């Protein structure tokens, strides 16, 4: 599921559909330059930016909290950013707007892998669906670059 990460009302709607109130959302960043403009990028973060596009969610400290709606980061000082290898990146880059990126499932329930197992409440709440067929991939690796030591974990 996704929406314009700058639109507070839209972000709150996604949060409501997921039933998630206490965890920040990650964003699909329009570009590496956008990440550099809005997040703290040190030498180790720059190395990870060099691996993009790729299957990573980089957790970085923010230097511009207004780059996304408050409901995205929940007043934390960090932001998860992604630039996956996917055709949708062309769209996100063209609109030059960060997009919420989260799984299309209710929090705590199994991940949606096809439109047949999309939760009915989520389906009713969406404005539109782009369906590419059954999902077989794995979620991105979380790379936390906010501490003295980099931590990498699978979802």
Foldseek 3Di string as FASTA:
>chain_A
DKDQQLDPVVLVLVCVLQVHQPAAFAWAALAVVSCVVWFDADPVNVVVSVVPPDQEWEKTFTPHPNLGDCSRHVPDRIHTYHHHPDPCSVVCNVVRTIMTDDFQHHPPDDGDFAPVPRPPSSVVSDPDDDGDGGDDDAHGWYWYPYDPDIDIGGD
